[in-house]
C-alpha atoms as a PDB file:
ATOM      1  CA  MET A   1      21.478 -27.316  16.674  1.00  0.00           C
ATOM      2  CA  ASN A   2      17.786 -27.957  16.228  1.00  0.00           C
ATOM      3  CA  SER A   3      17.472 -30.248  13.220  1.00  0.00           C
ATOM      4  CA  THR A   4      13.696 -30.078  13.092  1.00  0.00           C
ATOM      5  CA  ALA A   5      12.664 -28.444   9.821  1.00  0.00           C
ATOM      6  CA  THR A   6       9.885 -25.888  10.013  1.00  0.00           C
ATOM      7  CA  ALA A   7       7.477 -25.934   7.110  1.00  0.00           C
ATOM      8  CA  ARG A   8       7.519 -22.566   5.390  1.00  0.00           C
ATOM      9  CA  PRO A   9       4.196 -21.081   4.336  1.00  0.00           C
ATOM     10  CA  GLU A  10       3.366 -20.781   0.651  1.00  0.00           C
ATOM     11  CA  PRO A  11       4.951 -17.527  -0.582  1.00  0.00           C
ATOM     12  CA  TRP A  12       2.117 -16.695  -2.984  1.00  0.00           C
ATOM     13  CA  PRO A  13      -1.028 -17.900  -1.149  1.00  0.00           C
ATOM     14  CA  GLU A  14      -4.570 -17.967  -2.468  1.00  0.00           C
ATOM     15  CA  LEU A  15      -6.405 -14.752  -1.582  1.00  0.00           C
ATOM     16  CA  PRO A  16      -9.971 -14.895  -2.954  1.00  0.00           C
ATOM     17  CA  LEU A  17     -11.665 -11.679  -1.899  1.00  0.00           C
ATOM     18  CA  ASP A  18     -15.028 -13.298  -1.247  1.00  0.00           C
ATOM     19  CA  ALA A  19     -13.436 -15.555   1.404  1.00  0.00           C
ATOM     20  CA  TRP A  20     -12.172 -12.663   3.524  1.00  0.00           C
ATOM     21  CA  SER A  21     -14.057  -9.559   2.373  1.00  0.00           C
ATOM     22  CA  ASP A  22     -15.367  -8.792   5.876  1.00  0.00           C
ATOM     23  CA  THR A  23     -11.902  -9.132   7.394  1.00  0.00           C
ATOM     24  CA  CYS A  24     -10.462  -7.032   4.569  1.00  0.00           C
ATOM     25  CA  ALA A  25     -12.973  -4.248   5.230  1.00  0.00           C
ATOM     26  CA  THR A  26     -12.309  -4.277   8.977  1.00  0.00           C
ATOM     27  CA  LEU A  27      -8.545  -4.384   8.573  1.00  0.00           C
ATOM     28  CA  HIS A  28      -8.814  -1.530   6.086  1.00  0.00           C
ATOM     29  CA  MET A  29     -10.399   0.643   8.782  1.00  0.00           C
ATOM     30  CA  TRP A  30      -7.809  -0.397  11.370  1.00  0.00           C
ATOM     31  CA  THR A  31      -4.975   0.601   9.044  1.00  0.00           C
ATOM     32  CA  GLN A  32      -6.715   3.921   8.387  1.00  0.00           C
ATOM     33  CA  ILE A  33      -6.750   4.669  12.126  1.00  0.00           C
ATOM     34  CA  VAL A  34      -3.055   3.845  12.455  1.00  0.00           C
ATOM     35  CA  GLY A  35      -2.200   5.769   9.297  1.00  0.00           C
ATOM     36  CA  LYS A  36      -4.107   8.824  10.478  1.00  0.00           C
ATOM     37  CA  ILE A  37      -2.094   8.804  13.699  1.00  0.00           C
ATOM     38  CA  ARG A  38       1.082   9.012  11.617  1.00  0.00           C
ATOM     39  CA  LEU A  39      -0.530  11.709   9.460  1.00  0.00           C
ATOM     40  CA  ALA A  40      -1.519  13.829  12.461  1.00  0.00           C
ATOM     41  CA  GLN A  41       1.991  13.819  13.956  1.00  0.00           C
ATOM     42  CA  SER A  42       4.149  14.055  10.829  1.00  0.00           C
ATOM     43  CA  PRO A  43       5.301  17.044   8.778  1.00  0.00           C
ATOM     44  CA  TRP A  44       3.761  17.110   5.328  1.00  0.00           C
ATOM     45  CA  VAL A  45       5.839  15.332   2.687  1.00  0.00           C
ATOM     46  CA  ASN A  46       5.225  15.652  -1.053  1.00  0.00           C
ATOM     47  CA  HIS A  47       2.565  13.375  -2.536  1.00  0.00           C
ATOM     48  CA  SER A  48       1.379  12.334   0.959  1.00  0.00           C
ATOM     49  CA  TRP A  49       4.392  10.096   1.489  1.00  0.00           C
ATOM     50  CA  HIS A  50       4.227  10.956   5.209  1.00  0.00           C
ATOM     51  CA  VAL A  51       1.008   9.001   5.751  1.00  0.00           C
ATOM     52  CA  THR A  52       1.981   5.559   4.489  1.00  0.00           C
ATOM     53  CA  LEU A  53       2.776   2.254   6.207  1.00  0.00           C
ATOM     54  CA  TYR A  54       5.586  -0.136   5.298  1.00  0.00           C
ATOM     55  CA  VAL A  55       5.890  -3.905   4.999  1.00  0.00           C
ATOM     56  CA  THR A  56       7.971  -5.639   7.690  1.00  0.00           C
ATOM     57  CA  ALA A  57       9.084  -9.210   8.365  1.00  0.00           C
ATOM     58  CA  ARG A  58       6.006  -9.623  10.568  1.00  0.00           C
ATOM     59  CA  GLY A  59       3.384  -7.190   9.281  1.00  0.00           C
ATOM     60  CA  LEU A  60       3.129  -3.445   8.715  1.00  0.00           C
ATOM     61  CA  THR A  61       4.718  -0.493  10.480  1.00  0.00           C
ATOM     62  CA  THR A  62       4.379   3.264  10.648  1.00  0.00           C
ATOM     63  CA  THR A  63       8.155   3.675  11.152  1.00  0.00           C
ATOM     64  CA  PRO A  64       9.104   6.282  13.837  1.00  0.00           C
ATOM     65  CA  ILE A  65       6.554   9.054  14.410  1.00  0.00           C
ATOM     66  CA  PRO A  66       7.581  12.296  16.136  1.00  0.00           C
ATOM     67  CA  HIS A  67       5.888  13.306  19.400  1.00  0.00           C
ATOM     68  CA  GLY A  68       7.628  16.303  20.905  1.00  0.00           C
ATOM     69  CA  THR A  69      11.168  15.214  21.777  1.00  0.00           C
ATOM     70  CA  ARG A  70      10.070  11.559  21.748  1.00  0.00           C
ATOM     71  CA  THR A  71       9.230   9.192  18.936  1.00  0.00           C
ATOM     72  CA  PHE A  72       6.955   6.191  18.734  1.00  0.00           C
ATOM     73  CA  GLU A  73       5.892   3.643  16.171  1.00  0.00           C
ATOM     74  CA  ILE A  74       2.930   1.348  15.696  1.00  0.00           C
ATOM     75  CA  ASP A  75       3.366  -2.153  14.291  1.00  0.00           C
ATOM     76  CA  PHE A  76       0.880  -4.738  13.070  1.00  0.00           C
ATOM     77  CA  ASP A  77       2.056  -8.317  13.638  1.00  0.00           C
ATOM     78  CA  PHE A  78       0.227 -10.746  11.329  1.00  0.00           C
ATOM     79  CA  ILE A  79       2.117 -13.796  12.597  1.00  0.00           C
ATOM     80  CA  ASP A  80       1.224 -13.645  16.302  1.00  0.00           C
ATOM     81  CA  HIS A  81      -1.681 -11.262  15.624  1.00  0.00           C
ATOM     82  CA  TYR A  82      -1.272  -8.262  17.825  1.00  0.00           C
ATOM     83  CA  LEU A  83      -0.632  -4.563  17.417  1.00  0.00           C
ATOM     84  CA  SER A  84       2.205  -2.907  19.348  1.00  0.00           C
ATOM     85  CA  VAL A  85       3.041   0.693  20.214  1.00  0.00           C
ATOM     86  CA  TYR A  86       6.708   1.341  21.016  1.00  0.00           C
ATOM     87  CA  SER A  87       7.957   4.663  22.401  1.00  0.00           C
ATOM     88  CA  SER A  88      11.548   5.894  22.379  1.00  0.00           C
ATOM     89  CA  ASP A  89      11.642   6.043  26.187  1.00  0.00           C
ATOM     90  CA  GLY A  90      10.953   2.313  26.482  1.00  0.00           C
ATOM     91  CA  GLY A  91       7.173   2.295  26.737  1.00  0.00           C
ATOM     92  CA  VAL A  92       5.211  -0.536  25.130  1.00  0.00           C
ATOM     93  CA  GLY A  93       1.498  -1.003  24.547  1.00  0.00           C
ATOM     94  CA  THR A  94      -0.232  -3.947  22.874  1.00  0.00           C
ATOM     95  CA  ILE A  95      -3.635  -4.831  21.488  1.00  0.00           C
ATOM     96  CA  PRO A  96      -4.584  -8.349  20.345  1.00  0.00           C
ATOM     97  CA  LEU A  97      -5.786  -8.586  16.750  1.00  0.00           C
ATOM     98  CA  ARG A  98      -9.039 -10.503  16.972  1.00  0.00           C
ATOM     99  CA  PRO A  99     -12.658 -10.102  15.887  1.00  0.00           C
ATOM    100  CA  GLN A 100     -13.748  -6.744  17.287  1.00  0.00           C
ATOM    101  CA  THR A 101     -15.481  -3.644  16.021  1.00  0.00           C
ATOM    102  CA  VAL A 102     -13.634  -0.696  14.573  1.00  0.00           C
ATOM    103  CA  ALA A 103     -15.048   1.337  17.466  1.00  0.00           C
ATOM    104  CA  ALA A 104     -13.516  -1.060  20.017  1.00  0.00           C
ATOM    105  CA  PHE A 105     -10.157  -1.105  18.204  1.00  0.00           C
ATOM    106  CA  TYR A 106     -10.107   2.698  18.018  1.00  0.00           C
ATOM    107  CA  LYS A 107     -10.898   3.035  21.738  1.00  0.00           C
ATOM    108  CA  GLN A 108      -8.230   0.502  22.732  1.00  0.00           C
ATOM    109  CA  LEU A 109      -5.524   2.016  20.570  1.00  0.00           C
ATOM    110  CA  MET A 110      -6.170   5.557  21.769  1.00  0.00           C
ATOM    111  CA  GLY A 111      -6.178   4.200  25.312  1.00  0.00           C
ATOM    112  CA  GLU A 112      -2.775   2.544  24.844  1.00  0.00           C
ATOM    113  CA  LEU A 113      -1.372   5.774  23.413  1.00  0.00           C
ATOM    114  CA  SER A 114      -2.706   7.747  26.392  1.00  0.00           C
ATOM    115  CA  LYS A 115      -1.136   5.288  28.849  1.00  0.00           C
ATOM    116  CA  LEU A 116       2.207   6.011  27.202  1.00  0.00           C
ATOM    117  CA  ASP A 117       1.553   9.785  27.407  1.00  0.00           C
ATOM    118  CA  LEU A 118       1.281   9.894  23.624  1.00  0.00           C
ATOM    119  CA  HIS A 119      -1.783  12.064  23.179  1.00  0.00           C
ATOM    120  CA  VAL A 120      -2.823  12.280  19.520  1.00  0.00           C
ATOM    121  CA  ARG A 121      -5.918  13.751  17.910  1.00  0.00           C
ATOM    122  CA  ILE A 122      -6.995  12.594  14.474  1.00  0.00           C
ATOM    123  CA  LYS A 123      -9.868  13.264  12.093  1.00  0.00           C
ATOM    124  CA  ALA A 124     -11.722  10.133  13.114  1.00  0.00           C
ATOM    125  CA  ARG A 125     -13.487   9.396   9.846  1.00  0.00           C
ATOM    126  CA  PRO A 126     -12.124   7.203   7.021  1.00  0.00           C
ATOM    127  CA  ASN A 127     -11.000   8.517   3.652  1.00  0.00           C
ATOM    128  CA  GLU A 128     -11.576   7.241   0.111  1.00  0.00           C
ATOM    129  CA  VAL A 129     -14.592   5.074   0.977  1.00  0.00           C
ATOM    130  CA  ALA A 130     -18.183   5.625  -0.099  1.00  0.00           C
ATOM    131  CA  GLU A 131     -19.651   5.110   3.390  1.00  0.00           C
ATOM    132  CA  ALA A 132     -17.425   6.964   5.839  1.00  0.00           C
ATOM    133  CA  ILE A 133     -18.533   5.868   9.317  1.00  0.00           C
ATOM    134  CA  ALA A 134     -16.774   7.682  12.163  1.00  0.00           C
ATOM    135  CA  PHE A 135     -14.364   5.257  13.811  1.00  0.00           C
ATOM    136  CA  GLU A 136     -15.841   5.587  17.303  1.00  0.00           C
ATOM    137  CA  GLN A 137     -19.289   4.791  15.861  1.00  0.00           C
ATOM    138  CA  ASP A 138     -18.315   1.927  13.552  1.00  0.00           C
ATOM    139  CA  GLU A 139     -19.958  -1.222  14.898  1.00  0.00           C
ATOM    140  CA  GLN A 140     -20.451  -2.561  11.357  1.00  0.00           C
ATOM    141  CA  HIS A 141     -16.912  -3.756  10.641  1.00  0.00           C
ATOM    142  CA  ALA A 142     -15.935  -6.355  13.231  1.00  0.00           C
ATOM    143  CA  SER A 143     -14.310  -9.329  11.480  1.00  0.00           C
ATOM    144  CA  TYR A 144     -10.789 -10.678  11.763  1.00  0.00           C
ATOM    145  CA  ASP A 145      -9.744 -13.995  10.257  1.00  0.00           C
ATOM    146  CA  PRO A 146      -6.085 -14.477  11.276  1.00  0.00           C
ATOM    147  CA  ASP A 147      -5.409 -16.909   8.440  1.00  0.00           C
ATOM    148  CA  TYR A 148      -6.487 -14.454   5.751  1.00  0.00           C
ATOM    149  CA  ALA A 149      -4.856 -11.484   7.448  1.00  0.00           C
ATOM    150  CA  ASN A 150      -1.633 -13.505   7.367  1.00  0.00           C
ATOM    151  CA  ARG A 151      -2.171 -14.446   3.708  1.00  0.00           C
ATOM    152  CA  PHE A 152      -2.704 -10.817   2.780  1.00  0.00           C
ATOM    153  CA  TRP A 153       0.512  -9.815   4.532  1.00  0.00           C
ATOM    154  CA  ARG A 154       2.420 -12.627   2.800  1.00  0.00           C
ATOM    155  CA  VAL A 155       1.238 -11.318  -0.564  1.00  0.00           C
ATOM    156  CA  LEU A 156       2.444  -7.867   0.488  1.00  0.00           C
ATOM    157  CA  VAL A 157       5.837  -9.355   1.416  1.00  0.00           C
ATOM    158  CA  GLN A 158       6.291 -10.832  -2.066  1.00  0.00           C
ATOM    159  CA  THR A 159       4.958  -7.723  -3.775  1.00  0.00           C
ATOM    160  CA  ASP A 160       7.194  -5.456  -1.722  1.00  0.00           C
ATOM    161  CA  ARG A 161      10.194  -7.576  -2.688  1.00  0.00           C
ATOM    162  CA  ILE A 162       9.477  -7.438  -6.432  1.00  0.00           C
ATOM    163  CA  PHE A 163       8.464  -3.774  -6.415  1.00  0.00           C
ATOM    164  CA  LYS A 164      11.803  -2.904  -4.789  1.00  0.00           C
ATOM    165  CA  ARG A 165      13.640  -4.716  -7.568  1.00  0.00           C
ATOM    166  CA  PHE A 166      11.615  -2.740 -10.094  1.00  0.00           C
ATOM    167  CA  ARG A 167      12.190   0.536  -8.246  1.00  0.00           C
ATOM    168  CA  ALA A 168      15.953  -0.044  -8.270  1.00  0.00           C
ATOM    169  CA  ARG A 169      15.975   0.226 -12.072  1.00  0.00           C
ATOM    170  CA  PHE A 170      14.949   3.880 -11.910  1.00  0.00           C
ATOM    171  CA  ILE A 171      17.230   6.739 -10.822  1.00  0.00           C
ATOM    172  CA  GLY A 172      14.790   9.579 -11.413  1.00  0.00           C
ATOM    173  CA  LYS A 173      12.390  10.763  -8.746  1.00  0.00           C
ATOM    174  CA  CYS A 174      10.570   7.721  -7.396  1.00  0.00           C
ATOM    175  CA  SER A 175       8.461   7.019  -4.328  1.00  0.00           C
ATOM    176  CA  PRO A 176       9.342   4.380  -1.762  1.00  0.00           C
ATOM    177  CA  VAL A 177       7.414   1.126  -1.947  1.00  0.00           C
ATOM    178  CA  HIS A 178       4.710   1.918   0.570  1.00  0.00           C
ATOM    179  CA  PHE A 179       1.229   0.957   1.749  1.00  0.00           C
ATOM    180  CA  PHE A 180      -1.470   3.556   1.200  1.00  0.00           C
ATOM    181  CA  TRP A 181      -4.323   2.882   3.609  1.00  0.00           C
ATOM    182  CA  GLY A 182      -6.837   4.876   1.571  1.00  0.00           C
ATOM    183  CA  ALA A 183      -7.506   2.224  -1.087  1.00  0.00           C
ATOM    184  CA  PRO A 184      -5.773   0.148   0.477  1.00  0.00           C
ATOM    185  CA  ASP A 185      -2.866  -0.733  -1.802  1.00  0.00           C
ATOM    186  CA  LEU A 186       0.880  -1.268  -1.889  1.00  0.00           C
ATOM    187  CA  ALA A 187       2.335   1.074  -4.488  1.00  0.00           C
ATOM    188  CA  VAL A 188       5.449   2.549  -6.072  1.00  0.00           C
ATOM    189  CA  THR A 189       5.415   5.575  -8.370  1.00  0.00           C
ATOM    190  CA  ARG A 190       7.910   6.897 -10.930  1.00  0.00           C
ATOM    191  CA  PHE A 191       8.002  10.527 -12.049  1.00  0.00           C
ATOM    192  CA  SER A 192       8.990  12.012 -15.398  1.00  0.00           C
ATOM    193  CA  GLY A 193      10.126  15.247 -13.751  1.00  0.00           C
ATOM    194  CA  ARG A 194       7.554  17.408 -15.551  1.00  0.00           C
ATOM    195  CA  PRO A 195       4.469  19.094 -14.038  1.00  0.00           C
ATOM    196  CA  ALA A 196       1.102  17.484 -14.805  1.00  0.00           C
ATOM    197  CA  PRO A 197      -2.275  19.050 -15.601  1.00  0.00           C
ATOM    198  CA  GLU A 198      -4.329  19.797 -12.507  1.00  0.00           C
ATOM    199  CA  HIS A 199      -6.035  16.650 -11.206  1.00  0.00           C
ATOM    200  CA  PRO A 200      -9.843  16.889 -11.318  1.00  0.00           C
ATOM    201  CA  GLY A 201     -10.246  15.639  -7.737  1.00  0.00           C
ATOM    202  CA  GLY A 202     -13.518  13.985  -6.788  1.00  0.00           C
ATOM    203  CA  VAL A 203     -12.065  11.128  -4.711  1.00  0.00           C
ATOM    204  CA  PRO A 204     -14.690  10.174  -2.078  1.00  0.00           C
ATOM    205  CA  HIS A 205     -14.013  11.771   1.308  1.00  0.00           C
ATOM    206  CA  LEU A 206     -10.641  13.169   0.265  1.00  0.00           C
ATOM    207  CA  PRO A 207      -9.984  16.904  -0.121  1.00  0.00           C
ATOM    208  CA  ASP A 208      -9.336  17.803  -3.759  1.00  0.00           C
ATOM    209  CA  LEU A 209      -6.211  19.691  -2.750  1.00  0.00           C
ATOM    210  CA  VAL A 210      -4.683  16.410  -1.491  1.00  0.00           C
ATOM    211  CA  ALA A 211      -5.348  14.620  -4.786  1.00  0.00           C
ATOM    212  CA  ARG A 212      -4.034  17.589  -6.764  1.00  0.00           C
ATOM    213  CA  GLU A 213      -0.828  17.743  -4.744  1.00  0.00           C
ATOM    214  CA  ALA A 214      -0.383  13.976  -5.084  1.00  0.00           C
ATOM    215  CA  TYR A 215      -0.642  14.209  -8.883  1.00  0.00           C
ATOM    216  CA  SER A 216       1.153  17.528  -9.344  1.00  0.00           C
ATOM    217  CA  HIS A 217       3.703  15.858 -11.661  1.00  0.00           C
ATOM    218  CA  GLU A 218       3.549  13.237 -14.415  1.00  0.00           C
ATOM    219  CA  VAL A 219       3.639   9.690 -13.065  1.00  0.00           C
ATOM    220  CA  SER A 220       3.710   6.051 -13.965  1.00  0.00           C
ATOM    221  CA  SER A 221       2.383   4.204 -10.935  1.00  0.00           C
ATOM    222  CA  CYS A 222       1.861   0.541 -10.125  1.00  0.00           C
ATOM    223  CA  GLY A 223       0.560  -1.371  -7.167  1.00  0.00           C
ATOM    224  CA  PHE A 224      -1.231  -4.307  -5.609  1.00  0.00           C
ATOM    225  CA  TRP A 225      -4.866  -4.045  -4.503  1.00  0.00           C
ATOM    226  CA  PRO A 226      -6.878  -6.804  -2.772  1.00  0.00           C
ATOM    227  CA  GLY A 227      -9.867  -5.904  -4.912  1.00  0.00           C
ATOM    228  CA  GLY A 228     -13.369  -4.585  -4.413  1.00  0.00           C
ATOM    229  CA  GLY A 229     -16.358  -3.061  -6.201  1.00  0.00           C
ATOM    230  CA  PRO A 230     -15.971  -3.519  -9.964  1.00  0.00           C
ATOM    231  CA  VAL A 231     -12.947  -5.819  -9.484  1.00  0.00           C
ATOM    232  CA  PRO A 232     -13.951  -8.556  -7.019  1.00  0.00           C
ATOM    233  CA  TYR A 233     -10.551 -10.238  -6.900  1.00  0.00           C
ATOM    234  CA  PRO A 234      -6.971  -9.199  -6.085  1.00  0.00           C
ATOM    235  CA  VAL A 235      -4.996  -7.496  -8.843  1.00  0.00           C
ATOM    236  CA  PHE A 236      -1.788  -5.779  -9.728  1.00  0.00           C
ATOM    237  CA  TYR A 237      -2.397  -2.474 -11.488  1.00  0.00           C
ATOM    238  CA  SER A 238      -0.504   0.132 -13.478  1.00  0.00           C
ATOM    239  CA  TYR A 239      -1.604   3.541 -14.722  1.00  0.00           C
ATOM    240  CA  ALA A 240      -0.237   6.825 -16.041  1.00  0.00           C
ATOM    241  CA  TYR A 241      -1.254  10.351 -15.086  1.00  0.00           C
ATOM    242  CA  PRO A 242      -1.917  12.095 -17.324  1.00  0.00           C
ATOM    243  CA  GLU A 243      -2.781   9.128 -19.519  1.00  0.00           C
ATOM    244  CA  PRO A 244      -1.048   9.565 -22.887  1.00  0.00           C
ATOM    245  CA  ASN A 245      -2.824   8.918 -26.173  1.00  0.00           C
ATOM    246  CA  GLY A 246      -2.686   5.265 -27.150  1.00  0.00           C
ATOM    247  CA  PHE A 247      -1.883   4.039 -23.632  1.00  0.00           C
ATOM    248  CA  ARG A 248      -4.928   1.802 -23.296  1.00  0.00           C
ATOM    249  CA  GLU A 249      -4.108   0.063 -26.593  1.00  0.00           C
ATOM    250  CA  ALA A 250      -0.448  -0.523 -25.710  1.00  0.00           C
ATOM    251  CA  PRO A 251       0.735  -4.155 -26.135  1.00  0.00           C
ATOM    252  CA  VAL A 252       1.661  -4.783 -22.505  1.00  0.00           C
ATOM    253  CA  LYS A 253       2.628  -8.191 -21.139  1.00  0.00           C
ATOM    254  CA  PRO A 254       1.770 -10.811 -20.008  1.00  0.00           C
ATOM    255  CA  GLU A 255      -1.321 -11.815 -22.004  1.00  0.00           C
ATOM    256  CA  ALA A 256      -3.374 -12.006 -18.799  1.00  0.00           C
ATOM    257  CA  ALA A 257      -3.082  -8.222 -18.394  1.00  0.00           C
ATOM    258  CA  SER A 258      -5.807  -5.974 -19.782  1.00  0.00           C
ATOM    259  CA  TYR A 259      -6.926  -2.370 -19.664  1.00  0.00           C
ATOM    260  CA  ASN A 260      -9.902  -1.530 -17.418  1.00  0.00           C
ATOM    261  CA  ALA A 261     -11.707   1.479 -18.887  1.00  0.00           C
ATOM    262  CA  GLU A 262     -13.654   2.186 -15.683  1.00  0.00           C
ATOM    263  CA  LEU A 263     -10.535   2.422 -13.525  1.00  0.00           C
ATOM    264  CA  ARG A 264      -8.303   3.653 -16.385  1.00  0.00           C
ATOM    265  CA  GLU A 265      -5.628   1.186 -15.373  1.00  0.00           C
ATOM    266  CA  PHE A 266      -3.990  -1.938 -16.691  1.00  0.00           C
ATOM    267  CA  LEU A 267      -4.887  -4.855 -14.420  1.00  0.00           C
ATOM    268  CA  LEU A 268      -3.129  -8.173 -13.963  1.00  0.00           C
ATOM    269  CA  PRO A 269      -5.052 -10.680 -11.824  1.00  0.00           C
ATOM    270  CA  TYR A 270      -3.069 -11.824  -8.811  1.00  0.00           C
ATOM    271  CA  ASP A 271      -3.951 -15.433  -9.611  1.00  0.00           C
ATOM    272  CA  ALA A 272      -2.249 -15.131 -13.012  1.00  0.00           C
ATOM    273  CA  VAL A 273       0.954 -14.284 -11.157  1.00  0.00           C
ATOM    274  CA  ARG A 274       0.488 -16.782  -8.343  1.00  0.00           C
ATOM    275  CA  LYS A 275      -0.182 -19.720 -10.677  1.00  0.00           C
ATOM    276  CA  SER A 276       2.586 -18.956 -13.142  1.00  0.00           C
ATOM    277  CA  ALA A 277       5.807 -20.960 -13.351  1.00  0.00           C
ATOM    278  CA  SER A 278       7.783 -17.834 -12.406  1.00  0.00           C
ATOM    279  CA  PRO A 279       5.710 -15.259 -10.479  1.00  0.00           C
ATOM    280  CA  ASP A 280       8.674 -12.901 -10.120  1.00  0.00           C
ATOM    281  CA  ASP A 281       9.304 -12.748 -13.863  1.00  0.00           C
ATOM    282  CA  ILE A 282       5.633 -12.394 -14.790  1.00  0.00           C
ATOM    283  CA  LEU A 283       5.123  -9.527 -12.377  1.00  0.00           C
ATOM    284  CA  LEU A 284       8.314  -7.737 -13.420  1.00  0.00           C
ATOM    285  CA  GLU A 285       7.260  -8.089 -17.065  1.00  0.00           C
ATOM    286  CA  PHE A 286       3.946  -6.417 -16.282  1.00  0.00           C
ATOM    287  CA  LEU A 287       5.599  -3.600 -14.355  1.00  0.00           C
ATOM    288  CA  GLN A 288       8.214  -2.976 -17.039  1.00  0.00           C
ATOM    289  CA  THR A 289       5.963  -3.072 -20.094  1.00  0.00           C
ATOM    290  CA  THR A 290       3.286  -0.841 -18.575  1.00  0.00           C
ATOM    291  CA  TYR A 291       5.957   1.650 -17.498  1.00  0.00           C
ATOM    292  CA  GLU A 292       7.488   1.623 -20.980  1.00  0.00           C
ATOM    293  CA  ALA A 293       4.064   2.266 -22.503  1.00  0.00           C
ATOM    294  CA  ALA A 294       3.493   5.234 -20.179  1.00  0.00           C
ATOM    295  CA  ALA A 295       6.992   6.657 -20.660  1.00  0.00           C
ATOM    296  CA  ASP A 296       7.302   6.174 -24.400  1.00  0.00           C
ATOM    297  CA  LEU A 297       3.806   7.356 -25.273  1.00  0.00           C
ATOM    298  CA  GLY A 298       4.142  10.208 -22.780  1.00  0.00           C
ATOM    299  CA  GLY A 299       7.426  11.367 -24.290  1.00  0.00           C
ATOM    300  CA  TRP A 300       9.559  10.855 -21.183  1.00  0.00           C
ATOM    301  CA  ASP A 301      13.310  11.396 -21.565  1.00  0.00           C
ATOM    302  CA  ARG A 302      14.073   7.880 -20.352  1.00  0.00           C
ATOM    303  CA  LYS A 303      17.864   7.701 -20.669  1.00  0.00           C
ATOM    304  CA  PRO A 304      18.745   9.939 -17.690  1.00  0.00           C
ATOM    305  CA  LEU A 305      15.956   8.373 -15.592  1.00  0.00           C
ATOM    306  CA  GLU A 306      16.925   4.705 -15.829  1.00  0.00           C
ATOM    307  CA  ARG A 307      19.766   2.653 -14.415  1.00  0.00           C
ATOM    308  CA  THR A 308      21.605   0.449 -16.919  1.00  0.00           C
ATOM    309  CA  GLY A 309      23.778  -1.450 -14.421  1.00  0.00           C
ATOM    310  CA  ARG A 310      25.213  -1.469 -10.927  1.00  0.00           C
ATOM    311  CA  PRO A 311      27.479   1.408  -9.873  1.00  0.00           C
ATOM    312  CA  GLU A 312      31.141   0.602 -10.508  1.00  0.00           C
ATOM    313  CA  GLY A 313      32.753  -1.023  -7.489  1.00  0.00           C
ATOM    314  CA  ALA A 314      29.453  -2.251  -5.991  1.00  0.00           C
ATOM    315  CA  ALA A 315      29.511  -5.601  -4.247  1.00  0.00           C
END
């Protein structure tokens, strides 16, 4: 037995946006390319759940994607820093994750897919960003700091873990915990079961019909976002659609949480969680109290939607 102890990395690392903003922007575009490949090959699932990525023990994955009678998946590895394509007939393609333009990454990934006879066509322009540069023309985003890419993934690992605990409390309709590459953010969404008013749309470079289908029913949604624009630091967020009267004044916890009128969301700075004596408890408190505000003020019938204990006979 090897008795040499391996130092484990800090579970909740520092992630100041200004220290890795260029890498964040580049990685955002890379995840959009990978996500659009899943989108192009997958049958439509309600609320765009067919487009998302998922946290793994090494990075992010598409999970299996259909391609005729074959399947394939694409995985980001933020430990050894490479991207892999695996096909169900044993094919493997890899790309190193290193400083390179979005255009170069796009060309390499499509080349690896072609080598594996996995021909995919996507709409090669990003969504939900103000400046949507076509991927094959994007020479602007070209940064990759492996340390900060790894830190970001480690934050996603912790967030994914806590969000799954929170999700387990709800037995009504609820999304998986998944990574939306549009923002980008890791999110989980609960549903009241009732239809919602039509969403106004207007999301940059996103068809209104997609936003309206995504918000076709009442939701209480929470997530983690690395930050950007009006919020230049990483945050946890929680919002309700439609937002019930009195929601923004609700006494949510912890004290570090506050309502952002521009985004129409409650925000909890990541650093408030990271620096707390019990990050798990602080984050769960935020998730629970913001959900309760949305559900109670929105008149949700909570009793049949929530789990009060483990099923009888469970281990």
